[in-house]
Amino acid sequence: MAKNLCHGLPAGLVTLALAVGFAANSRAGGAGYFDTPFQSESQFIVEAIVSDLAEQMYFARNGQLPEKK
């Protein structure tokens, strides 16, 4: 049960992040005030949470932080 949750939760969060990103892109009419990769505050929050969870899962499995890009 816990193993299914461990795999299902990140997949669900990634799907949510993609859905929010595509919805925001469809609403964007033109160039925004700020030049950022995020279309809305919601997209920024979802992507920040998903990346934090991915980093925590990597650390739990490997005992070290992932390499910086």
PDB file of N, CA and C in Angstrom:
ATOM      1  N   MET A   1       0.826  -1.196   0.000  1.00  0.00           N
ATOM      2  CA  MET A   1       0.000   0.000   0.000  1.00  0.00           C
ATOM      3  C   MET A   1       0.868   1.258   0.000  1.00  0.00           C
ATOM      4  N   ALA A   2       1.857   1.315   0.896  1.00  0.00           N
ATOM      5  CA  ALA A   2       2.716   2.490   0.981  1.00  0.00           C
ATOM      6  C   ALA A   2       3.549   2.650  -0.288  1.00  0.00           C
ATOM      7  N   LYS A   3       3.945   1.524  -0.881  1.00  0.00           N
ATOM      8  CA  LYS A   3       4.735   1.584  -2.101  1.00  0.00           C
ATOM      9  C   LYS A   3       3.910   2.180  -3.242  1.00  0.00           C
ATOM     10  N   ASN A   4       2.631   1.807  -3.334  1.00  0.00           N
ATOM     11  CA  ASN A   4       1.761   2.367  -4.366  1.00  0.00           C
ATOM     12  C   ASN A   4       1.570   3.859  -4.160  1.00  0.00           C
ATOM     13  N   LEU A   5       1.429   4.276  -2.907  1.00  0.00           N
ATOM     14  CA  LEU A   5       1.265   5.692  -2.599  1.00  0.00           C
ATOM     15  C   LEU A   5       2.536   6.460  -2.941  1.00  0.00           C
ATOM     16  N   CYS A   6       3.682   5.856  -2.685  1.00  0.00           N
ATOM     17  CA  CYS A   6       4.969   6.496  -2.969  1.00  0.00           C
ATOM     18  C   CYS A   6       5.121   6.782  -4.457  1.00  0.00           C
ATOM     19  N   HIS A   7       4.605   5.894  -5.306  1.00  0.00           N
ATOM     20  CA  HIS A   7       4.715   6.102  -6.754  1.00  0.00           C
ATOM     21  C   HIS A   7       3.542   6.916  -7.292  1.00  0.00           C
ATOM     22  N   GLY A   8       2.385   6.765  -6.708  1.00  0.00           N
ATOM     23  CA  GLY A   8       1.193   7.443  -7.211  1.00  0.00           C
ATOM     24  C   GLY A   8       1.160   8.920  -6.888  1.00  0.00           C
ATOM     25  N   LEU A   9       1.631   9.291  -5.716  1.00  0.00           N
ATOM     26  CA  LEU A   9       1.602  10.700  -5.313  1.00  0.00           C
ATOM     27  C   LEU A   9       2.456  11.580  -6.219  1.00  0.00           C
ATOM     28  N   PRO A  10       3.721  11.241  -6.474  1.00  0.00           N
ATOM     29  CA  PRO A  10       4.510  12.090  -7.373  1.00  0.00           C
ATOM     30  C   PRO A  10       3.930  12.143  -8.789  1.00  0.00           C
ATOM     31  N   ALA A  11       3.435  11.020  -9.269  1.00  0.00           N
ATOM     32  CA  ALA A  11       2.843  11.005 -10.611  1.00  0.00           C
ATOM     33  C   ALA A  11       1.621  11.921 -10.657  1.00  0.00           C
ATOM     34  N   GLY A  12       0.821  11.906  -9.617  1.00  0.00           N
ATOM     35  CA  GLY A  12      -0.349  12.775  -9.561  1.00  0.00           C
ATOM     36  C   GLY A  12       0.034  14.240  -9.487  1.00  0.00           C
ATOM     37  N   LEU A  13       1.077  14.550  -8.730  1.00  0.00           N
ATOM     38  CA  LEU A  13       1.525  15.934  -8.613  1.00  0.00           C
ATOM     39  C   LEU A  13       2.103  16.447  -9.928  1.00  0.00           C
ATOM     40  N   VAL A  14       2.834  15.597 -10.629  1.00  0.00           N
ATOM     41  CA  VAL A  14       3.371  15.997 -11.934  1.00  0.00           C
ATOM     42  C   VAL A  14       2.231  16.252 -12.913  1.00  0.00           C
ATOM     43  N   THR A  15       1.233  15.374 -12.899  1.00  0.00           N
ATOM     44  CA  THR A  15       0.073  15.561 -13.769  1.00  0.00           C
ATOM     45  C   THR A  15      -0.635  16.872 -13.445  1.00  0.00           C
ATOM     46  N   LEU A  16      -0.786  17.162 -12.165  1.00  0.00           N
ATOM     47  CA  LEU A  16      -1.408  18.422 -11.747  1.00  0.00           C
ATOM     48  C   LEU A  16      -0.591  19.621 -12.213  1.00  0.00           C
ATOM     49  N   ALA A  17       0.725  19.540 -12.080  1.00  0.00           N
ATOM     50  CA  ALA A  17       1.595  20.636 -12.508  1.00  0.00           C
ATOM     51  C   ALA A  17       1.468  20.878 -14.000  1.00  0.00           C
ATOM     52  N   LEU A  18       1.424  19.805 -14.773  1.00  0.00           N
ATOM     53  CA  LEU A  18       1.269  19.953 -16.218  1.00  0.00           C
ATOM     54  C   LEU A  18      -0.085  20.560 -16.571  1.00  0.00           C
ATOM     55  N   ALA A  19      -1.126  20.111 -15.889  1.00  0.00           N
ATOM     56  CA  ALA A  19      -2.469  20.632 -16.168  1.00  0.00           C
ATOM     57  C   ALA A  19      -2.549  22.119 -15.845  1.00  0.00           C
ATOM     58  N   VAL A  20      -1.975  22.524 -14.735  1.00  0.00           N
ATOM     59  CA  VAL A  20      -1.979  23.939 -14.359  1.00  0.00           C
ATOM     60  C   VAL A  20      -1.180  24.747 -15.372  1.00  0.00           C
ATOM     61  N   GLY A  21      -0.051  24.211 -15.813  1.00  0.00           N
ATOM     62  CA  GLY A  21       0.780  24.914 -16.789  1.00  0.00           C
ATOM     63  C   GLY A  21       0.073  25.094 -18.113  1.00  0.00           C
ATOM     64  N   PHE A  22      -0.593  24.042 -18.611  1.00  0.00           N
ATOM     65  CA  PHE A  22      -1.292  24.139 -19.882  1.00  0.00           C
ATOM     66  C   PHE A  22      -2.497  25.070 -19.776  1.00  0.00           C
ATOM     67  N   ALA A  23      -3.195  25.038 -18.657  1.00  0.00           N
ATOM     68  CA  ALA A  23      -4.341  25.920 -18.476  1.00  0.00           C
ATOM     69  C   ALA A  23      -3.882  27.376 -18.440  1.00  0.00           C
ATOM     70  N   ALA A  24      -2.773  27.643 -17.778  1.00  0.00           N
ATOM     71  CA  ALA A  24      -2.263  29.006 -17.693  1.00  0.00           C
ATOM     72  C   ALA A  24      -1.782  29.484 -19.064  1.00  0.00           C
ATOM     73  N   ASN A  25      -1.169  28.599 -19.837  1.00  0.00           N
ATOM     74  CA  ASN A  25      -0.695  28.979 -21.169  1.00  0.00           C
ATOM     75  C   ASN A  25      -1.856  29.317 -22.093  1.00  0.00           C
ATOM     76  N   SER A  26      -2.966  28.622 -21.948  1.00  0.00           N
ATOM     77  CA  SER A  26      -4.096  28.884 -22.820  1.00  0.00           C
ATOM     78  C   SER A  26      -4.772  30.219 -22.483  1.00  0.00           C
ATOM     79  N   ARG A  27      -4.624  30.680 -21.228  1.00  0.00           N
ATOM     80  CA  ARG A  27      -5.226  31.947 -20.818  1.00  0.00           C
ATOM     81  C   ARG A  27      -4.325  33.141 -21.079  1.00  0.00           C
ATOM     82  N   ALA A  28      -3.032  32.907 -21.268  1.00  0.00           N
ATOM     83  CA  ALA A  28      -2.087  34.011 -21.438  1.00  0.00           C
ATOM     84  C   ALA A  28      -2.342  34.710 -22.770  1.00  0.00           C
ATOM     85  N   GLY A  29      -2.641  35.985 -22.702  1.00  0.00           N
ATOM     86  CA  GLY A  29      -2.973  36.726 -23.908  1.00  0.00           C
ATOM     87  C   GLY A  29      -1.755  37.305 -24.606  1.00  0.00           C
ATOM     88  N   GLY A  30      -0.756  37.689 -23.872  1.00  0.00           N
ATOM     89  CA  GLY A  30       0.417  38.307 -24.483  1.00  0.00           C
ATOM     90  C   GLY A  30       1.563  38.308 -23.493  1.00  0.00           C
ATOM     91  N   ALA A  31       2.505  39.185 -23.756  1.00  0.00           N
ATOM     92  CA  ALA A  31       3.666  39.277 -22.878  1.00  0.00           C
ATOM     93  C   ALA A  31       3.235  39.813 -21.524  1.00  0.00           C
ATOM     94  N   GLY A  32       3.663  39.150 -20.482  1.00  0.00           N
ATOM     95  CA  GLY A  32       3.305  39.566 -19.139  1.00  0.00           C
ATOM     96  C   GLY A  32       4.206  40.673 -18.639  1.00  0.00           C
ATOM     97  N   TYR A  33       3.890  41.156 -17.485  1.00  0.00           N
ATOM     98  CA  TYR A  33       4.667  42.239 -16.887  1.00  0.00           C
ATOM     99  C   TYR A  33       6.062  41.761 -16.520  1.00  0.00           C
ATOM    100  N   PHE A  34       6.127  40.560 -15.928  1.00  0.00           N
ATOM    101  CA  PHE A  34       7.403  39.975 -15.553  1.00  0.00           C
ATOM    102  C   PHE A  34       7.742  38.870 -16.545  1.00  0.00           C
ATOM    103  N   ASP A  35       8.999  38.766 -16.892  1.00  0.00           N
ATOM    104  CA  ASP A  35       9.445  37.722 -17.807  1.00  0.00           C
ATOM    105  C   ASP A  35       9.936  36.538 -16.975  1.00  0.00           C
ATOM    106  N   THR A  36       9.030  35.636 -16.620  1.00  0.00           N
ATOM    107  CA  THR A  36       9.359  34.458 -15.827  1.00  0.00           C
ATOM    108  C   THR A  36       8.900  33.211 -16.559  1.00  0.00           C
ATOM    109  N   PRO A  37       9.451  32.047 -16.200  1.00  0.00           N
ATOM    110  CA  PRO A  37       8.989  30.809 -16.829  1.00  0.00           C
ATOM    111  C   PRO A  37       7.617  30.369 -16.322  1.00  0.00           C
ATOM    112  N   PHE A  38       7.089  31.028 -15.308  1.00  0.00           N
ATOM    113  CA  PHE A  38       5.809  30.654 -14.720  1.00  0.00           C
ATOM    114  C   PHE A  38       4.716  31.572 -15.242  1.00  0.00           C
ATOM    115  N   GLN A  39       3.564  31.004 -15.528  1.00  0.00           N
ATOM    116  CA  GLN A  39       2.449  31.791 -16.044  1.00  0.00           C
ATOM    117  C   GLN A  39       1.544  32.308 -14.924  1.00  0.00           C
ATOM    118  N   SER A  40       1.626  31.667 -13.755  1.00  0.00           N
ATOM    119  CA  SER A  40       0.800  32.104 -12.633  1.00  0.00           C
ATOM    120  C   SER A  40       1.488  31.719 -11.326  1.00  0.00           C
ATOM    121  N   GLU A  41       0.988  32.285 -10.260  1.00  0.00           N
ATOM    122  CA  GLU A  41       1.525  31.951  -8.949  1.00  0.00           C
ATOM    123  C   GLU A  41       1.249  30.490  -8.604  1.00  0.00           C
ATOM    124  N   SER A  42       0.099  29.982  -9.042  1.00  0.00           N
ATOM    125  CA  SER A  42      -0.252  28.582  -8.785  1.00  0.00           C
ATOM    126  C   SER A  42       0.743  27.643  -9.444  1.00  0.00           C
ATOM    127  N   GLN A  43       1.142  27.944 -10.671  1.00  0.00           N
ATOM    128  CA  GLN A  43       2.106  27.095 -11.372  1.00  0.00           C
ATOM    129  C   GLN A  43       3.438  27.103 -10.631  1.00  0.00           C
ATOM    130  N   PHE A  44       3.868  28.263 -10.156  1.00  0.00           N
ATOM    131  CA  PHE A  44       5.114  28.349  -9.397  1.00  0.00           C
ATOM    132  C   PHE A  44       5.049  27.494  -8.139  1.00  0.00           C
ATOM    133  N   ILE A  45       3.947  27.583  -7.402  1.00  0.00           N
ATOM    134  CA  ILE A  45       3.797  26.828  -6.153  1.00  0.00           C
ATOM    135  C   ILE A  45       3.795  25.333  -6.420  1.00  0.00           C
ATOM    136  N   VAL A  46       3.038  24.880  -7.421  1.00  0.00           N
ATOM    137  CA  VAL A  46       2.971  23.447  -7.723  1.00  0.00           C
ATOM    138  C   VAL A  46       4.332  22.931  -8.149  1.00  0.00           C
ATOM    139  N   GLU A  47       5.029  23.644  -9.021  1.00  0.00           N
ATOM    140  CA  GLU A  47       6.336  23.191  -9.477  1.00  0.00           C
ATOM    141  C   GLU A  47       7.351  23.193  -8.340  1.00  0.00           C
ATOM    142  N   ALA A  48       7.278  24.149  -7.432  1.00  0.00           N
ATOM    143  CA  ALA A  48       8.188  24.181  -6.286  1.00  0.00           C
ATOM    144  C   ALA A  48       7.948  22.980  -5.371  1.00  0.00           C
ATOM    145  N   ILE A  49       6.688  22.663  -5.122  1.00  0.00           N
ATOM    146  CA  ILE A  49       6.362  21.523  -4.259  1.00  0.00           C
ATOM    147  C   ILE A  49       6.798  20.215  -4.905  1.00  0.00           C
ATOM    148  N   VAL A  50       6.517  20.055  -6.196  1.00  0.00           N
ATOM    149  CA  VAL A  50       6.884  18.821  -6.893  1.00  0.00           C
ATOM    150  C   VAL A  50       8.396  18.641  -6.906  1.00  0.00           C
ATOM    151  N   SER A  51       9.143  19.707  -7.177  1.00  0.00           N
ATOM    152  CA  SER A  51      10.602  19.575  -7.207  1.00  0.00           C
ATOM    153  C   SER A  51      11.161  19.286  -5.809  1.00  0.00           C
ATOM    154  N   ASP A  52      10.575  19.882  -4.769  1.00  0.00           N
ATOM    155  CA  ASP A  52      11.009  19.588  -3.400  1.00  0.00           C
ATOM    156  C   ASP A  52      10.750  18.131  -3.036  1.00  0.00           C
ATOM    157  N   LEU A  53       9.571  17.623  -3.398  1.00  0.00           N
ATOM    158  CA  LEU A  53       9.264  16.222  -3.111  1.00  0.00           C
ATOM    159  C   LEU A  53      10.198  15.276  -3.868  1.00  0.00           C
ATOM    160  N   ALA A  54      10.484  15.599  -5.110  1.00  0.00           N
ATOM    161  CA  ALA A  54      11.395  14.759  -5.895  1.00  0.00           C
ATOM    162  C   ALA A  54      12.782  14.745  -5.270  1.00  0.00           C
ATOM    163  N   GLU A  55      13.247  15.896  -4.796  1.00  0.00           N
ATOM    164  CA  GLU A  55      14.550  15.968  -4.154  1.00  0.00           C
ATOM    165  C   GLU A  55      14.569  15.169  -2.853  1.00  0.00           C
ATOM    166  N   GLN A  56      13.495  15.230  -2.083  1.00  0.00           N
ATOM    167  CA  GLN A  56      13.414  14.463  -0.838  1.00  0.00           C
ATOM    168  C   GLN A  56      13.401  12.960  -1.112  1.00  0.00           C
ATOM    169  N   MET A  57      12.678  12.550  -2.143  1.00  0.00           N
ATOM    170  CA  MET A  57      12.631  11.122  -2.488  1.00  0.00           C
ATOM    171  C   MET A  57      14.006  10.642  -2.965  1.00  0.00           C
ATOM    172  N   TYR A  58      14.708  11.456  -3.724  1.00  0.00           N
ATOM    173  CA  TYR A  58      16.045  11.108  -4.186  1.00  0.00           C
ATOM    174  C   TYR A  58      16.977  10.948  -2.988  1.00  0.00           C
ATOM    175  N   PHE A  59      16.903  11.890  -2.049  1.00  0.00           N
ATOM    176  CA  PHE A  59      17.757  11.825  -0.868  1.00  0.00           C
ATOM    177  C   PHE A  59      17.433  10.596  -0.021  1.00  0.00           C
ATOM    178  N   ALA A  60      16.148  10.265   0.112  1.00  0.00           N
ATOM    179  CA  ALA A  60      15.752   9.096   0.908  1.00  0.00           C
ATOM    180  C   ALA A  60      16.294   7.809   0.295  1.00  0.00           C
ATOM    181  N   ARG A  61      16.332   7.750  -1.015  1.00  0.00           N
ATOM    182  CA  ARG A  61      16.801   6.539  -1.687  1.00  0.00           C
ATOM    183  C   ARG A  61      18.326   6.459  -1.731  1.00  0.00           C
ATOM    184  N   ASN A  62      19.004   7.582  -2.004  1.00  0.00           N
ATOM    185  CA  ASN A  62      20.441   7.557  -2.256  1.00  0.00           C
ATOM    186  C   ASN A  62      21.303   8.088  -1.116  1.00  0.00           C
ATOM    187  N   GLY A  63      20.701   8.751  -0.143  1.00  0.00           N
ATOM    188  CA  GLY A  63      21.467   9.266   0.987  1.00  0.00           C
ATOM    189  C   GLY A  63      22.308  10.487   0.661  1.00  0.00           C
ATOM    190  N   GLN A  64      22.091  11.105  -0.478  1.00  0.00           N
ATOM    191  CA  GLN A  64      22.800  12.325  -0.857  1.00  0.00           C
ATOM    192  C   GLN A  64      21.904  13.171  -1.737  1.00  0.00           C
ATOM    193  N   LEU A  65      22.229  14.458  -1.809  1.00  0.00           N
ATOM    194  CA  LEU A  65      21.431  15.359  -2.649  1.00  0.00           C
ATOM    195  C   LEU A  65      21.774  15.141  -4.116  1.00  0.00           C
ATOM    196  N   PRO A  66      20.815  15.393  -5.002  1.00  0.00           N
ATOM    197  CA  PRO A  66      21.114  15.280  -6.436  1.00  0.00           C
ATOM    198  C   PRO A  66      22.095  16.362  -6.874  1.00  0.00           C
ATOM    199  N   GLU A  67      22.783  16.111  -7.980  1.00  0.00           N
ATOM    200  CA  GLU A  67      23.744  17.096  -8.502  1.00  0.00           C
ATOM    201  C   GLU A  67      23.002  18.328  -9.003  1.00  0.00           C
ATOM    202  N   LYS A  68      23.624  19.474  -8.831  1.00  0.00           N
ATOM    203  CA  LYS A  68      23.060  20.728  -9.342  1.00  0.00           C
ATOM    204  C   LYS A  68      23.198  20.750 -10.844  1.00  0.00           C
ATOM    205  N   LYS A  69      22.215  21.361 -11.515  1.00  0.00           N
ATOM    206  CA  LYS A  69      22.269  21.469 -12.987  1.00  0.00           C
ATOM    207  C   LYS A  69      22.852  22.788 -13.378  1.00  0.00           C
TER     208      LYS A  69
END
